[in-house]
Amino acid sequence: MNKVKLAETISERTGLSKKQAEDFLEAFVEVVKDTLVNREEVTLAGFGTFMPKFRSARMGVNPQKPDERIQVHAVIIPKFKAGKNLKDALKNVQAE
């Protein structure tokens, strides 16, 4: 499901217009992004937690020249930890 389809589904389930659902979704994404940039977590009870994770600097391999080592800078990456309700919902789905 992409962003447009998600906004349409939210619109159908809530009675909001498609434009209002798109605006809501855009605001949600911005709030989560801004919160992670400030190194804080966003917890949605039963769904999961978005959190910033620090990844230390390290030596890596240049994919264009595998015998060449390169310095990979330290970064903060987003991480998502699924909540119990989400995990339980997926446990009941048959694997294909």
N, C-alpha and C. Protein backbone atom coordinates (compact mmCIF):
# COMPACT_ATOMS: atom_id res chain seq x y z
N MET A 1 0.85 -1.17 0.00
CA MET A 1 0.00 0.00 0.00
C MET A 1 0.90 1.24 0.00
N ASN A 2 0.60 2.16 -0.88
CA ASN A 2 1.38 3.40 -0.93
C ASN A 2 0.64 4.52 -0.19
N LYS A 3 1.22 5.71 -0.18
CA LYS A 3 0.69 6.82 0.59
C LYS A 3 -0.70 7.25 0.10
N VAL A 4 -0.91 7.26 -1.20
CA VAL A 4 -2.20 7.67 -1.77
C VAL A 4 -3.29 6.68 -1.36
N LYS A 5 -3.01 5.38 -1.49
CA LYS A 5 -3.99 4.36 -1.12
C LYS A 5 -4.27 4.40 0.37
N LEU A 6 -3.24 4.64 1.19
CA LEU A 6 -3.43 4.75 2.63
C LEU A 6 -4.35 5.93 2.96
N ALA A 7 -4.14 7.07 2.31
CA ALA A 7 -4.99 8.24 2.53
C ALA A 7 -6.43 7.94 2.12
N GLU A 8 -6.62 7.22 1.01
CA GLU A 8 -7.97 6.85 0.57
C GLU A 8 -8.64 5.95 1.59
N THR A 9 -7.90 4.99 2.12
CA THR A 9 -8.46 4.06 3.11
C THR A 9 -8.82 4.79 4.39
N ILE A 10 -7.97 5.70 4.83
CA ILE A 10 -8.27 6.51 6.02
C ILE A 10 -9.52 7.34 5.77
N SER A 11 -9.63 7.91 4.59
CA SER A 11 -10.79 8.71 4.21
C SER A 11 -12.07 7.90 4.29
N GLU A 12 -12.03 6.69 3.75
CA GLU A 12 -13.21 5.81 3.76
C GLU A 12 -13.61 5.41 5.17
N ARG A 13 -12.63 5.10 6.01
CA ARG A 13 -12.92 4.60 7.37
C ARG A 13 -13.33 5.69 8.35
N THR A 14 -12.90 6.93 8.10
CA THR A 14 -13.17 8.00 9.06
C THR A 14 -14.24 8.98 8.61
N GLY A 15 -14.56 8.97 7.32
CA GLY A 15 -15.53 9.93 6.81
C GLY A 15 -14.91 11.27 6.47
N LEU A 16 -13.60 11.36 6.58
CA LEU A 16 -12.90 12.59 6.18
C LEU A 16 -12.83 12.64 4.65
N SER A 17 -12.64 13.84 4.12
CA SER A 17 -12.42 13.95 2.68
C SER A 17 -11.03 13.41 2.37
N LYS A 18 -10.79 13.08 1.11
CA LYS A 18 -9.46 12.58 0.73
C LYS A 18 -8.39 13.62 1.03
N LYS A 19 -8.70 14.88 0.79
CA LYS A 19 -7.74 15.96 1.06
C LYS A 19 -7.42 16.04 2.55
N GLN A 20 -8.44 15.92 3.41
CA GLN A 20 -8.22 15.96 4.85
C GLN A 20 -7.39 14.76 5.30
N ALA A 21 -7.66 13.60 4.73
CA ALA A 21 -6.90 12.40 5.08
C ALA A 21 -5.45 12.54 4.63
N GLU A 22 -5.22 13.10 3.44
CA GLU A 22 -3.85 13.33 2.97
C GLU A 22 -3.13 14.32 3.87
N ASP A 23 -3.83 15.38 4.28
CA ASP A 23 -3.24 16.38 5.18
C ASP A 23 -2.90 15.75 6.53
N PHE A 24 -3.79 14.90 7.04
CA PHE A 24 -3.56 14.21 8.30
C PHE A 24 -2.32 13.32 8.20
N LEU A 25 -2.25 12.55 7.13
CA LEU A 25 -1.13 11.64 6.94
C LEU A 25 0.18 12.40 6.81
N GLU A 26 0.15 13.50 6.07
CA GLU A 26 1.35 14.32 5.92
C GLU A 26 1.78 14.91 7.26
N ALA A 27 0.81 15.37 8.06
CA ALA A 27 1.13 15.92 9.38
C ALA A 27 1.71 14.84 10.29
N PHE A 28 1.15 13.63 10.23
CA PHE A 28 1.65 12.52 11.04
C PHE A 28 3.11 12.24 10.70
N VAL A 29 3.42 12.15 9.41
CA VAL A 29 4.78 11.87 8.97
C VAL A 29 5.74 12.97 9.44
N GLU A 30 5.32 14.22 9.33
CA GLU A 30 6.17 15.34 9.76
C GLU A 30 6.41 15.31 11.26
N VAL A 31 5.37 15.02 12.05
CA VAL A 31 5.52 14.98 13.50
C VAL A 31 6.47 13.86 13.90
N VAL A 32 6.31 12.69 13.30
CA VAL A 32 7.21 11.57 13.62
C VAL A 32 8.65 11.92 13.23
N LYS A 33 8.82 12.48 12.04
CA LYS A 33 10.16 12.85 11.57
C LYS A 33 10.81 13.88 12.50
N ASP A 34 10.06 14.94 12.84
CA ASP A 34 10.59 15.98 13.72
C ASP A 34 10.95 15.43 15.10
N THR A 35 10.11 14.54 15.61
CA THR A 35 10.37 13.94 16.92
C THR A 35 11.64 13.10 16.89
N LEU A 36 11.82 12.31 15.83
CA LEU A 36 13.04 11.49 15.71
C LEU A 36 14.28 12.35 15.53
N VAL A 37 14.15 13.44 14.79
CA VAL A 37 15.28 14.36 14.62
C VAL A 37 15.71 14.93 15.97
N ASN A 38 14.74 15.13 16.86
CA ASN A 38 15.04 15.63 18.21
C ASN A 38 15.45 14.52 19.17
N ARG A 39 15.71 13.33 18.61
CA ARG A 39 16.17 12.15 19.35
C ARG A 39 15.18 11.70 20.43
N GLU A 40 13.89 11.79 20.11
CA GLU A 40 12.85 11.33 21.00
C GLU A 40 12.09 10.20 20.32
N GLU A 41 11.34 9.42 21.11
CA GLU A 41 10.57 8.30 20.60
C GLU A 41 9.12 8.70 20.37
N VAL A 42 8.45 7.99 19.45
CA VAL A 42 7.01 8.13 19.23
C VAL A 42 6.41 6.75 19.50
N THR A 43 5.57 6.66 20.53
CA THR A 43 4.97 5.38 20.90
C THR A 43 3.47 5.42 20.63
N LEU A 44 3.00 4.46 19.86
CA LEU A 44 1.57 4.28 19.59
C LEU A 44 1.18 2.96 20.26
N ALA A 45 0.51 3.06 21.40
CA ALA A 45 0.18 1.87 22.20
C ALA A 45 -0.52 0.82 21.34
N GLY A 46 -0.02 -0.39 21.41
CA GLY A 46 -0.59 -1.50 20.66
C GLY A 46 -0.07 -1.63 19.24
N PHE A 47 0.48 -0.55 18.70
CA PHE A 47 0.99 -0.59 17.33
C PHE A 47 2.50 -0.73 17.32
N GLY A 48 3.19 0.20 17.99
CA GLY A 48 4.64 0.11 18.04
C GLY A 48 5.29 1.43 18.40
N THR A 49 6.61 1.42 18.35
CA THR A 49 7.40 2.58 18.73
C THR A 49 8.41 2.90 17.64
N PHE A 50 8.43 4.16 17.23
CA PHE A 50 9.45 4.66 16.33
C PHE A 50 10.52 5.29 17.22
N MET A 51 11.79 4.94 16.97
CA MET A 51 12.84 5.49 17.81
C MET A 51 14.10 5.79 16.99
N PRO A 52 14.86 6.80 17.41
CA PRO A 52 16.13 7.08 16.75
C PRO A 52 17.20 6.15 17.31
N LYS A 53 18.06 5.65 16.46
CA LYS A 53 19.14 4.76 16.92
C LYS A 53 20.46 5.31 16.38
N PHE A 54 21.43 5.43 17.26
CA PHE A 54 22.75 5.93 16.89
C PHE A 54 23.58 4.79 16.32
N ARG A 55 24.14 4.99 15.15
CA ARG A 55 25.04 4.00 14.55
C ARG A 55 26.44 4.62 14.51
N SER A 56 27.38 4.01 15.19
CA SER A 56 28.74 4.52 15.31
C SER A 56 29.47 4.55 13.97
N ALA A 57 30.50 5.38 13.90
CA ALA A 57 31.36 5.42 12.73
C ALA A 57 32.12 4.09 12.64
N ARG A 58 32.41 3.67 11.43
CA ARG A 58 33.11 2.39 11.25
C ARG A 58 33.82 2.39 9.91
N MET A 59 34.66 1.40 9.75
CA MET A 59 35.31 1.20 8.46
C MET A 59 34.43 0.30 7.62
N GLY A 60 34.28 0.63 6.35
CA GLY A 60 33.46 -0.17 5.44
C GLY A 60 34.24 -0.51 4.19
N VAL A 61 33.56 -1.16 3.26
CA VAL A 61 34.17 -1.56 2.00
C VAL A 61 33.54 -0.76 0.87
N ASN A 62 34.37 -0.23 -0.01
CA ASN A 62 33.89 0.50 -1.18
C ASN A 62 33.26 -0.52 -2.14
N PRO A 63 31.94 -0.42 -2.42
CA PRO A 63 31.31 -1.41 -3.28
C PRO A 63 31.83 -1.40 -4.72
N GLN A 64 32.41 -0.28 -5.16
CA GLN A 64 32.96 -0.22 -6.52
C GLN A 64 34.37 -0.80 -6.59
N LYS A 65 35.06 -0.77 -5.46
CA LYS A 65 36.41 -1.33 -5.36
C LYS A 65 36.48 -2.13 -4.07
N PRO A 66 36.07 -3.40 -4.10
CA PRO A 66 35.96 -4.20 -2.87
C PRO A 66 37.24 -4.31 -2.04
N ASP A 67 38.40 -4.11 -2.65
CA ASP A 67 39.64 -4.20 -1.87
C ASP A 67 39.99 -2.87 -1.20
N GLU A 68 39.17 -1.83 -1.40
CA GLU A 68 39.43 -0.52 -0.82
C GLU A 68 38.54 -0.30 0.40
N ARG A 69 39.13 0.14 1.52
CA ARG A 69 38.39 0.43 2.74
C ARG A 69 38.02 1.91 2.76
N ILE A 70 36.83 2.22 3.27
CA ILE A 70 36.39 3.61 3.39
C ILE A 70 35.82 3.85 4.79
N GLN A 71 35.85 5.10 5.21
CA GLN A 71 35.30 5.49 6.51
C GLN A 71 33.81 5.77 6.35
N VAL A 72 32.97 5.09 7.14
CA VAL A 72 31.54 5.34 7.15
C VAL A 72 31.25 6.19 8.39
N HIS A 73 30.64 7.35 8.19
CA HIS A 73 30.40 8.29 9.28
C HIS A 73 29.31 7.80 10.22
N ALA A 74 29.32 8.31 11.44
CA ALA A 74 28.28 8.01 12.42
C ALA A 74 26.98 8.67 11.96
N VAL A 75 25.86 7.97 12.15
CA VAL A 75 24.56 8.50 11.75
C VAL A 75 23.50 8.09 12.78
N ILE A 76 22.38 8.77 12.71
CA ILE A 76 21.21 8.38 13.49
C ILE A 76 20.21 7.82 12.49
N ILE A 77 19.74 6.61 12.74
CA ILE A 77 18.80 5.96 11.82
C ILE A 77 17.46 5.73 12.53
N PRO A 78 16.36 5.65 11.76
CA PRO A 78 15.08 5.34 12.38
C PRO A 78 14.94 3.85 12.62
N LYS A 79 14.31 3.50 13.72
CA LYS A 79 14.06 2.10 14.05
C LYS A 79 12.60 1.99 14.47
N PHE A 80 11.97 0.87 14.13
CA PHE A 80 10.59 0.62 14.53
C PHE A 80 10.51 -0.69 15.28
N LYS A 81 9.88 -0.66 16.45
CA LYS A 81 9.68 -1.87 17.24
C LYS A 81 8.17 -2.10 17.31
N ALA A 82 7.72 -3.23 16.76
CA ALA A 82 6.30 -3.54 16.72
C ALA A 82 5.76 -3.78 18.12
N GLY A 83 4.52 -3.32 18.34
CA GLY A 83 3.84 -3.54 19.61
C GLY A 83 3.17 -4.90 19.66
N LYS A 84 2.69 -5.26 20.83
CA LYS A 84 2.10 -6.58 21.05
C LYS A 84 0.89 -6.83 20.15
N ASN A 85 -0.03 -5.88 20.04
CA ASN A 85 -1.22 -6.08 19.21
C ASN A 85 -0.87 -6.31 17.75
N LEU A 86 0.11 -5.59 17.24
CA LEU A 86 0.54 -5.76 15.85
C LEU A 86 1.19 -7.13 15.66
N LYS A 87 2.04 -7.52 16.59
CA LYS A 87 2.68 -8.83 16.52
C LYS A 87 1.64 -9.95 16.56
N ASP A 88 0.68 -9.82 17.48
CA ASP A 88 -0.35 -10.84 17.60
C ASP A 88 -1.20 -10.94 16.35
N ALA A 89 -1.51 -9.81 15.72
CA ALA A 89 -2.31 -9.81 14.49
C ALA A 89 -1.57 -10.54 13.37
N LEU A 90 -0.27 -10.38 13.31
CA LEU A 90 0.51 -11.01 12.24
C LEU A 90 0.78 -12.49 12.50
N LYS A 91 0.73 -12.90 13.76
CA LYS A 91 0.95 -14.31 14.08
C LYS A 91 -0.15 -15.19 13.49
N ASN A 92 -1.34 -14.64 13.35
CA ASN A 92 -2.48 -15.41 12.86
C ASN A 92 -2.59 -15.45 11.34
N VAL A 93 -1.67 -14.79 10.64
CA VAL A 93 -1.70 -14.76 9.18
C VAL A 93 -0.91 -15.96 8.65
N GLN A 94 -1.48 -16.65 7.68
CA GLN A 94 -0.82 -17.78 7.05
C GLN A 94 0.32 -17.30 6.15
N ALA A 95 1.48 -17.88 6.26
CA ALA A 95 2.61 -17.55 5.39
C ALA A 95 2.35 -18.15 4.01
N GLU A 96 2.74 -17.44 2.98
CA GLU A 96 2.50 -17.93 1.61
C GLU A 96 3.61 -18.83 1.13
